[in-house]
C-alpha atoms as a PDB file:
ATOM      1  CA  MET A   1     103.318  56.195 114.130  1.00  0.00           C
ATOM      2  CA  ASP A   2     101.287  58.607 115.566  1.00  0.00           C
ATOM      3  CA  THR A   3     100.103  61.368 114.054  1.00  0.00           C
ATOM      4  CA  ALA A   4     102.724  63.956 115.925  1.00  0.00           C
ATOM      5  CA  GLN A   5     105.281  61.943 114.726  1.00  0.00           C
ATOM      6  CA  PHE A   6     103.732  61.929 111.271  1.00  0.00           C
ATOM      7  CA  LEU A   7     103.094  65.589 110.852  1.00  0.00           C
ATOM      8  CA  ASN A   8     107.127  65.931 112.114  1.00  0.00           C
ATOM      9  CA  GLN A   9     108.196  63.549 109.079  1.00  0.00           C
ATOM     10  CA  ILE A  10     106.363  65.545 107.398  1.00  0.00           C
ATOM     11  CA  SER A  11     108.421  68.830 108.447  1.00  0.00           C
ATOM     12  CA  ILE A  12     111.557  67.681 108.109  1.00  0.00           C
ATOM     13  CA  SER A  13     110.826  66.280 104.802  1.00  0.00           C
ATOM     14  CA  LEU A  14     109.688  70.173 103.537  1.00  0.00           C
ATOM     15  CA  TYR A  15     112.840  71.203 105.064  1.00  0.00           C
ATOM     16  CA  TRP A  16     114.757  69.300 102.995  1.00  0.00           C
ATOM     17  CA  LEU A  17     112.582  70.443 100.008  1.00  0.00           C
ATOM     18  CA  CYS A  18     113.671  74.338 101.706  1.00  0.00           C
ATOM     19  CA  PHE A  19     117.641  73.306 101.603  1.00  0.00           C
ATOM     20  CA  ILE A  20     117.463  72.550  97.617  1.00  0.00           C
ATOM     21  CA  ALA A  21     115.687  75.670  96.873  1.00  0.00           C
ATOM     22  CA  TYR A  22     117.344  77.994  99.087  1.00  0.00           C
ATOM     23  CA  THR A  23     120.340  76.385  97.865  1.00  0.00           C
ATOM     24  CA  THR A  24     119.216  76.643  94.189  1.00  0.00           C
ATOM     25  CA  TYR A  25     118.268  80.521  95.014  1.00  0.00           C
ATOM     26  CA  TRP A  26     121.879  80.980  96.028  1.00  0.00           C
ATOM     27  CA  GLY A  27     123.013  80.479  92.850  1.00  0.00           C
ATOM     28  CA  ILE A  28     120.351  82.135  90.784  1.00  0.00           C
ATOM     29  CA  GLY A  29     118.829  84.609  92.811  1.00  0.00           C
ATOM     30  CA  PHE A  30     121.295  87.428  92.892  1.00  0.00           C
ATOM     31  CA  THR A  31     121.146  88.028  89.245  1.00  0.00           C
ATOM     32  CA  ARG A  32     119.104  91.040  87.523  1.00  0.00           C
ATOM     33  CA  TRP A  33     116.372  88.101  87.130  1.00  0.00           C
ATOM     34  CA  LYS A  34     112.741  89.577  87.375  1.00  0.00           C
ATOM     35  CA  LEU A  35     111.370  86.964  89.177  1.00  0.00           C
ATOM     36  CA  ARG A  36     113.527  87.299  92.167  1.00  0.00           C
ATOM     37  CA  PHE A  37     111.176  88.581  94.721  1.00  0.00           C
ATOM     38  CA  SER A  38     108.284  86.277  93.787  1.00  0.00           C
ATOM     39  CA  VAL A  39     110.434  82.907  93.520  1.00  0.00           C
ATOM     40  CA  LEU A  40     111.950  83.911  97.284  1.00  0.00           C
ATOM     41  CA  LEU A  41     108.186  84.610  98.764  1.00  0.00           C
ATOM     42  CA  GLY A  42     107.249  80.967  97.301  1.00  0.00           C
ATOM     43  CA  PHE A  43     110.293  79.377  99.313  1.00  0.00           C
ATOM     44  CA  VAL A  44     109.650  81.510 102.264  1.00  0.00           C
ATOM     45  CA  LEU A  45     106.140  80.833 102.315  1.00  0.00           C
ATOM     46  CA  LEU A  46     107.161  76.679 102.531  1.00  0.00           C
ATOM     47  CA  HIS A  47     110.115  77.486 105.072  1.00  0.00           C
ATOM     48  CA  ILE A  48     106.510  79.110 106.919  1.00  0.00           C
ATOM     49  CA  ALA A  49     104.801  75.740 106.481  1.00  0.00           C
ATOM     50  CA  THR A  50     107.944  74.002 107.810  1.00  0.00           C
ATOM     51  CA  ILE A  51     107.863  75.923 111.099  1.00  0.00           C
ATOM     52  CA  THR A  52     103.549  75.892 110.982  1.00  0.00           C
ATOM     53  CA  LEU A  53     103.931  71.754 110.931  1.00  0.00           C
ATOM     54  CA  ARG A  54     106.572  71.596 113.364  1.00  0.00           C
ATOM     55  CA  GLY A  55     104.387  73.760 115.989  1.00  0.00           C
ATOM     56  CA  ILE A  56     101.251  71.500 115.088  1.00  0.00           C
ATOM     57  CA  SER A  57     102.871  68.731 116.097  1.00  0.00           C
ATOM     58  CA  ILE A  58     104.225  69.396 118.790  1.00  0.00           C
ATOM     59  CA  GLU A  59     101.018  71.682 119.731  1.00  0.00           C
ATOM     60  CA  TYR A  60     102.953  74.578 120.978  1.00  0.00           C
ATOM     61  CA  PHE A  61     105.328  77.454 119.404  1.00  0.00           C
ATOM     62  CA  PRO A  62     108.170  75.389 117.393  1.00  0.00           C
ATOM     63  CA  LEU A  63     110.954  76.984 119.339  1.00  0.00           C
ATOM     64  CA  THR A  64     112.394  73.991 122.108  1.00  0.00           C
ATOM     65  CA  ASN A  65     115.146  73.317 120.738  1.00  0.00           C
ATOM     66  CA  LYS A  66     118.580  74.261 118.570  1.00  0.00           C
ATOM     67  CA  PHE A  67     116.906  73.051 115.705  1.00  0.00           C
ATOM     68  CA  GLU A  68     113.688  74.997 115.728  1.00  0.00           C
ATOM     69  CA  SER A  69     116.113  78.129 117.069  1.00  0.00           C
ATOM     70  CA  PHE A  70     118.664  78.411 114.147  1.00  0.00           C
ATOM     71  CA  ASN A  71     115.485  77.065 111.992  1.00  0.00           C
ATOM     72  CA  ALA A  72     112.715  80.187 113.161  1.00  0.00           C
ATOM     73  CA  PHE A  73     115.820  82.598 112.834  1.00  0.00           C
ATOM     74  CA  ALA A  74     116.533  81.822 109.158  1.00  0.00           C
ATOM     75  CA  ALA A  75     112.644  82.361 108.013  1.00  0.00           C
ATOM     76  CA  ALA A  76     113.583  85.320 110.233  1.00  0.00           C
ATOM     77  CA  THR A  77     116.012  86.956 108.142  1.00  0.00           C
ATOM     78  CA  PHE A  78     114.743  85.819 104.921  1.00  0.00           C
ATOM     79  CA  ILE A  79     111.562  87.559 105.856  1.00  0.00           C
ATOM     80  CA  ILE A  80     113.312  90.969 106.067  1.00  0.00           C
ATOM     81  CA  LEU A  81     115.498  90.329 102.483  1.00  0.00           C
ATOM     82  CA  LEU A  82     112.076  89.884 101.061  1.00  0.00           C
ATOM     83  CA  ILE A  83     111.225  93.752 102.200  1.00  0.00           C
ATOM     84  CA  TYR A  84     114.795  94.567 100.425  1.00  0.00           C
ATOM     85  CA  ALA A  85     114.398  91.788  97.304  1.00  0.00           C
ATOM     86  CA  ARG A  86     114.447  94.569  95.101  1.00  0.00           C
ATOM     87  CA  THR A  87     117.273  96.510  96.125  1.00  0.00           C
ATOM     88  CA  GLU A  88     119.574  96.100  93.751  1.00  0.00           C
ATOM     89  CA  SER A  89     123.259  95.742  95.237  1.00  0.00           C
ATOM     90  CA  ARG A  90     123.802  92.028  94.990  1.00  0.00           C
ATOM     91  CA  ILE A  91     126.408  92.640  98.016  1.00  0.00           C
ATOM     92  CA  TYR A  92     123.710  93.392 100.108  1.00  0.00           C
ATOM     93  CA  ARG A  93     121.349  90.264  99.360  1.00  0.00           C
ATOM     94  CA  MET A  94     124.494  87.974  99.302  1.00  0.00           C
ATOM     95  CA  SER A  95     125.700  89.022 102.425  1.00  0.00           C
ATOM     96  CA  LEU A  96     122.004  89.389 104.320  1.00  0.00           C
ATOM     97  CA  PHE A  97     120.690  85.826 102.303  1.00  0.00           C
ATOM     98  CA  GLY A  98     124.004  84.334 102.994  1.00  0.00           C
ATOM     99  CA  VAL A  99     123.470  84.715 107.087  1.00  0.00           C
ATOM    100  CA  GLY A 100     119.973  83.247 106.891  1.00  0.00           C
ATOM    101  CA  TYR A 101     121.072  80.430 104.554  1.00  0.00           C
ATOM    102  CA  ALA A 102     123.960  79.612 107.185  1.00  0.00           C
ATOM    103  CA  PHE A 103     121.598  78.988 109.901  1.00  0.00           C
ATOM    104  CA  PHE A 104     119.654  77.225 108.067  1.00  0.00           C
ATOM    105  CA  VAL A 105     122.029  75.105 107.076  1.00  0.00           C
ATOM    106  CA  ALA A 106     123.601  74.734 111.060  1.00  0.00           C
ATOM    107  CA  ALA A 107     120.359  73.702 112.045  1.00  0.00           C
ATOM    108  CA  MET A 108     121.126  70.188 109.950  1.00  0.00           C
ATOM    109  CA  LEU A 109     123.765  69.915 112.807  1.00  0.00           C
ATOM    110  CA  PHE A 110     120.764  69.481 115.644  1.00  0.00           C
ATOM    111  CA  PRO A 111     118.707  66.745 116.128  1.00  0.00           C
ATOM    112  CA  LYS A 112     114.775  67.055 114.362  1.00  0.00           C
ATOM    113  CA  GLY A 113     112.993  64.902 116.581  1.00  0.00           C
ATOM    114  CA  LEU A 114     109.957  66.509 118.570  1.00  0.00           C
ATOM    115  CA  ASN A 115     110.840  68.170 121.602  1.00  0.00           C
ATOM    116  CA  TYR A 116     107.520  69.494 123.953  1.00  0.00           C
ATOM    117  CA  ALA A 117     107.970  72.984 125.567  1.00  0.00           C
ATOM    118  CA  PRO A 118     108.913  72.472 129.058  1.00  0.00           C
ATOM    119  CA  PRO A 119     106.803  74.080 131.850  1.00  0.00           C
ATOM    120  CA  LEU A 120     108.772  77.334 132.256  1.00  0.00           C
ATOM    121  CA  MET A 121     108.122  78.012 128.248  1.00  0.00           C
ATOM    122  CA  LEU A 122     104.433  77.642 128.941  1.00  0.00           C
ATOM    123  CA  THR A 123     103.552  81.617 129.021  1.00  0.00           C
ATOM    124  CA  ILE A 124     102.827  83.892 126.450  1.00  0.00           C
ATOM    125  CA  TRP A 125     105.326  85.904 127.346  1.00  0.00           C
ATOM    126  CA  TYR A 126     107.725  83.953 125.975  1.00  0.00           C
ATOM    127  CA  VAL A 127     106.079  83.307 123.100  1.00  0.00           C
ATOM    128  CA  LEU A 128     106.175  87.314 122.209  1.00  0.00           C
ATOM    129  CA  HIS A 129     109.411  87.747 123.494  1.00  0.00           C
ATOM    130  CA  VAL A 130     111.499  84.992 121.635  1.00  0.00           C
ATOM    131  CA  PRO A 131     110.254  85.602 117.841  1.00  0.00           C
ATOM    132  CA  LEU A 132     110.475  89.354 118.242  1.00  0.00           C
ATOM    133  CA  SER A 133     113.762  89.292 119.403  1.00  0.00           C
ATOM    134  CA  PHE A 134     114.956  86.931 115.855  1.00  0.00           C
ATOM    135  CA  PHE A 135     112.793  89.587 113.805  1.00  0.00           C
ATOM    136  CA  CYS A 136     115.079  92.425 115.572  1.00  0.00           C
ATOM    137  CA  TYR A 137     118.359  90.010 115.025  1.00  0.00           C
ATOM    138  CA  ALA A 138     117.285  89.971 111.247  1.00  0.00           C
ATOM    139  CA  LEU A 139     117.094  93.793 111.284  1.00  0.00           C
ATOM    140  CA  TRP A 140     120.685  94.110 112.662  1.00  0.00           C
ATOM    141  CA  VAL A 141     121.908  91.747 110.058  1.00  0.00           C
ATOM    142  CA  SER A 142     120.454  93.414 107.402  1.00  0.00           C
ATOM    143  CA  ALA A 143     122.194  96.938 108.827  1.00  0.00           C
ATOM    144  CA  MET A 144     125.475  95.007 108.814  1.00  0.00           C
ATOM    145  CA  ALA A 145     124.851  93.619 105.226  1.00  0.00           C
ATOM    146  CA  ALA A 146     123.994  97.306 104.024  1.00  0.00           C
ATOM    147  CA  ALA A 147     127.589  98.433 105.706  1.00  0.00           C
ATOM    148  CA  VAL A 148     129.421  95.578 104.119  1.00  0.00           C
ATOM    149  CA  ALA A 149     127.742  96.495 100.021  1.00  0.00           C
ATOM    150  CA  ARG A 150     128.637 100.481 101.408  1.00  0.00           C
ATOM    151  CA  TYR A 151     132.352  99.657 101.531  1.00  0.00           C
ATOM    152  CA  PHE A 152     132.101  98.147  97.873  1.00  0.00           C
ATOM    153  CA  THR A 153     130.395 100.473  96.236  1.00  0.00           C
ATOM    154  CA  SER A 154     131.604 103.538  94.300  1.00  0.00           C
ATOM    155  CA  GLY A 155     128.670 105.113  93.679  1.00  0.00           C
ATOM    156  CA  GLY A 156     125.817 106.871  96.150  1.00  0.00           C
ATOM    157  CA  LYS A 157     125.702 105.267  99.305  1.00  0.00           C
ATOM    158  CA  LYS A 158     122.612 106.834 100.721  1.00  0.00           C
ATOM    159  CA  PRO A 159     120.062 103.829 100.259  1.00  0.00           C
ATOM    160  CA  TYR A 160     122.508 102.055 102.065  1.00  0.00           C
ATOM    161  CA  ASP A 161     122.713 104.570 104.827  1.00  0.00           C
ATOM    162  CA  GLN A 162     118.858 104.528 104.278  1.00  0.00           C
ATOM    163  CA  ILE A 163     119.253 100.642 105.224  1.00  0.00           C
ATOM    164  CA  ILE A 164     121.475 101.494 108.050  1.00  0.00           C
ATOM    165  CA  ASP A 165     119.078 103.481 109.868  1.00  0.00           C
ATOM    166  CA  SER A 166     116.246 101.816 109.048  1.00  0.00           C
ATOM    167  CA  GLY A 167     118.094  98.280 110.798  1.00  0.00           C
ATOM    168  CA  PHE A 168     119.296 100.604 113.650  1.00  0.00           C
ATOM    169  CA  GLN A 169     115.861 102.643 114.422  1.00  0.00           C
ATOM    170  CA  TYR A 170     113.737  99.567 113.684  1.00  0.00           C
ATOM    171  CA  GLY A 171     115.856  96.724 115.278  1.00  0.00           C
ATOM    172  CA  LEU A 172     116.021  98.925 118.672  1.00  0.00           C
ATOM    173  CA  ILE A 173     112.410  99.512 118.894  1.00  0.00           C
ATOM    174  CA  THR A 174     111.169  95.131 118.305  1.00  0.00           C
ATOM    175  CA  PHE A 175     114.447  94.373 121.060  1.00  0.00           C
ATOM    176  CA  SER A 176     112.702  97.055 123.485  1.00  0.00           C
ATOM    177  CA  ILE A 177     109.202  95.214 123.332  1.00  0.00           C
ATOM    178  CA  SER A 178     110.594  92.038 123.192  1.00  0.00           C
ATOM    179  CA  MET A 179     113.153  92.489 126.451  1.00  0.00           C
ATOM    180  CA  ILE A 180     109.378  93.765 128.316  1.00  0.00           C
ATOM    181  CA  PHE A 181     108.337  90.541 126.999  1.00  0.00           C
ATOM    182  CA  GLY A 182     111.508  88.435 128.597  1.00  0.00           C
ATOM    183  CA  GLY A 183     111.444  90.067 131.545  1.00  0.00           C
ATOM    184  CA  LEU A 184     107.904  89.222 132.390  1.00  0.00           C
ATOM    185  CA  TRP A 185     108.517  85.774 130.812  1.00  0.00           C
ATOM    186  CA  GLY A 186     111.807  85.992 133.277  1.00  0.00           C
ATOM    187  CA  TYR A 187     109.226  86.634 136.422  1.00  0.00           C
ATOM    188  CA  VAL A 188     106.680  83.532 135.544  1.00  0.00           C
ATOM    189  CA  ALA A 189     109.955  81.044 135.004  1.00  0.00           C
ATOM    190  CA  TRP A 190     112.113  82.035 137.646  1.00  0.00           C
ATOM    191  CA  GLY A 191     110.545  84.973 139.793  1.00  0.00           C
ATOM    192  CA  ALA A 192     112.727  88.217 138.482  1.00  0.00           C
ATOM    193  CA  TYR A 193     112.786  90.252 135.767  1.00  0.00           C
ATOM    194  CA  PHE A 194     116.453  90.303 135.909  1.00  0.00           C
ATOM    195  CA  LEU A 195     118.766  87.578 136.409  1.00  0.00           C
ATOM    196  CA  TRP A 196     122.543  87.740 135.993  1.00  0.00           C
ATOM    197  CA  ASP A 197     122.784  85.177 133.437  1.00  0.00           C
ATOM    198  CA  ALA A 198     124.884  85.602 130.612  1.00  0.00           C
ATOM    199  CA  LYS A 199     121.871  86.095 127.796  1.00  0.00           C
ATOM    200  CA  VAL A 200     120.310  88.331 130.245  1.00  0.00           C
ATOM    201  CA  VAL A 201     124.195  90.699 130.005  1.00  0.00           C
ATOM    202  CA  TRP A 202     124.306  90.368 126.953  1.00  0.00           C
ATOM    203  CA  SER A 203     121.243  91.464 125.602  1.00  0.00           C
ATOM    204  CA  VAL A 204     121.375  94.733 127.913  1.00  0.00           C
ATOM    205  CA  ILE A 205     125.194  95.143 125.748  1.00  0.00           C
ATOM    206  CA  ILE A 206     123.192  95.002 122.596  1.00  0.00           C
ATOM    207  CA  TRP A 207     120.602  97.274 123.393  1.00  0.00           C
ATOM    208  CA  PHE A 208     123.058 100.177 124.911  1.00  0.00           C
ATOM    209  CA  PHE A 209     124.800  99.207 121.903  1.00  0.00           C
ATOM    210  CA  TYR A 210     122.121  99.821 119.343  1.00  0.00           C
ATOM    211  CA  ALA A 211     120.871 102.681 121.597  1.00  0.00           C
ATOM    212  CA  THR A 212     124.434 104.333 120.818  1.00  0.00           C
ATOM    213  CA  CYS A 213     124.266 103.696 117.445  1.00  0.00           C
ATOM    214  CA  LEU A 214     121.458 105.749 117.139  1.00  0.00           C
ATOM    215  CA  HIS A 215     122.261 108.584 118.851  1.00  0.00           C
ATOM    216  CA  LEU A 216     125.294 108.919 116.598  1.00  0.00           C
ATOM    217  CA  ASP A 217     122.868 111.246 114.482  1.00  0.00           C
ATOM    218  CA  TYR A 218     123.309 113.958 116.590  1.00  0.00           C
ATOM    219  CA  TRP A 219     127.256 114.219 116.377  1.00  0.00           C
ATOM    220  CA  GLN A 220     127.690 114.965 112.810  1.00  0.00           C
ATOM    221  CA  GLU A 221     130.923 113.774 113.330  1.00  0.00           C
ATOM    222  CA  ALA A 222     130.282 110.770 114.346  1.00  0.00           C
ATOM    223  CA  LYS A 223     128.104 109.876 111.363  1.00  0.00           C
ATOM    224  CA  ARG A 224     131.001 108.474 109.816  1.00  0.00           C
ATOM    225  CA  PHE A 225     131.069 105.587 112.096  1.00  0.00           C
ATOM    226  CA  LYS A 226     127.635 104.437 111.315  1.00  0.00           C
ATOM    227  CA  PRO A 227     128.893 101.364 108.679  1.00  0.00           C
ATOM    228  CA  PRO A 228     131.696  99.867 110.957  1.00  0.00           C
ATOM    229  CA  MET A 229     129.455  99.989 114.163  1.00  0.00           C
ATOM    230  CA  ALA A 230     126.751  98.151 111.731  1.00  0.00           C
ATOM    231  CA  ILE A 231     129.631  95.663 111.309  1.00  0.00           C
ATOM    232  CA  LEU A 232     130.759  95.150 114.989  1.00  0.00           C
ATOM    233  CA  GLY A 233     127.426  94.979 116.195  1.00  0.00           C
ATOM    234  CA  PHE A 234     126.838  91.721 113.859  1.00  0.00           C
ATOM    235  CA  VAL A 235     129.928  90.480 116.427  1.00  0.00           C
ATOM    236  CA  ILE A 236     128.162  91.621 119.368  1.00  0.00           C
ATOM    237  CA  LEU A 237     125.099  89.991 117.955  1.00  0.00           C
ATOM    238  CA  ILE A 238     126.101  86.432 117.529  1.00  0.00           C
ATOM    239  CA  MET A 239     127.748  86.786 121.002  1.00  0.00           C
ATOM    240  CA  THR A 240     124.507  87.621 122.447  1.00  0.00           C
ATOM    241  CA  TYR A 241     122.871  84.990 120.252  1.00  0.00           C
ATOM    242  CA  VAL A 242     125.401  81.990 119.697  1.00  0.00           C
ATOM    243  CA  GLY A 243     128.207  82.324 122.383  1.00  0.00           C
ATOM    244  CA  THR A 244     125.910  83.082 125.230  1.00  0.00           C
ATOM    245  CA  SER A 245     124.637  79.230 124.512  1.00  0.00           C
ATOM    246  CA  PHE A 246     127.671  77.707 123.257  1.00  0.00           C
ATOM    247  CA  PHE A 247     130.322  78.692 124.648  1.00  0.00           C
ATOM    248  CA  ILE A 248     129.301  80.482 128.136  1.00  0.00           C
ATOM    249  CA  GLY A 249     126.476  78.690 128.819  1.00  0.00           C
ATOM    250  CA  SER A 250     122.761  80.274 129.966  1.00  0.00           C
ATOM    251  CA  SER A 251     119.378  79.279 131.253  1.00  0.00           C
ATOM    252  CA  HIS A 252     118.415  80.624 128.361  1.00  0.00           C
ATOM    253  CA  SER A 253     120.049  78.238 126.286  1.00  0.00           C
ATOM    254  CA  PHE A 254     118.074  76.154 123.922  1.00  0.00           C
ATOM    255  CA  ARG A 255     118.546  72.334 124.434  1.00  0.00           C
END
């Protein structure tokens, strides 16, 4: 067994250790346990270590197939959860963690062998574009989770409104930067900044959707639509990220 295969085996072993850790956290992490943040931080650092070892194995950024894609998106979601880990709403934490956990588990369904990056990925614009996309997706998932928690809360709703607004705002900023890098990657890889490709078209759709969400602040009567739009946005997000790969097909699809 060569060094790359050996490191990958360690990475996969750590992945399964993360699975046990996250599953345990699912059972005990939504209580008022004071160590909730510290324990989740340790699990996330272990998760990042598995991704890092995978990258060392292929000597490139580990986003070359669906296993690595879903695994990285799950990590981004858990990192956003760390920011809001002290939020008292159990429903919010469960919703956000549940999405990350679902993608982490879904990654198991795909081959875990080493995939080396094809030539079209060998550019700095790809490395900048995809991780930023995952973090903006995670911010929008956070907004959805806050909207769900808001509907099940009878008391003050202001904290959830703030999380929704933050998800909308910082998610759109991150995604806008990501799209700039994506356009540059597209020019390097395919010779065009824009393609009539399913992933690209849905990326434009989701950008306009969340830009609209931000502009609701300028219409007092429309502000009440923010929570349902945060939930609808999650549906559009899933279509953009997963649907274009599995149901439509895209040149951006991971193998």
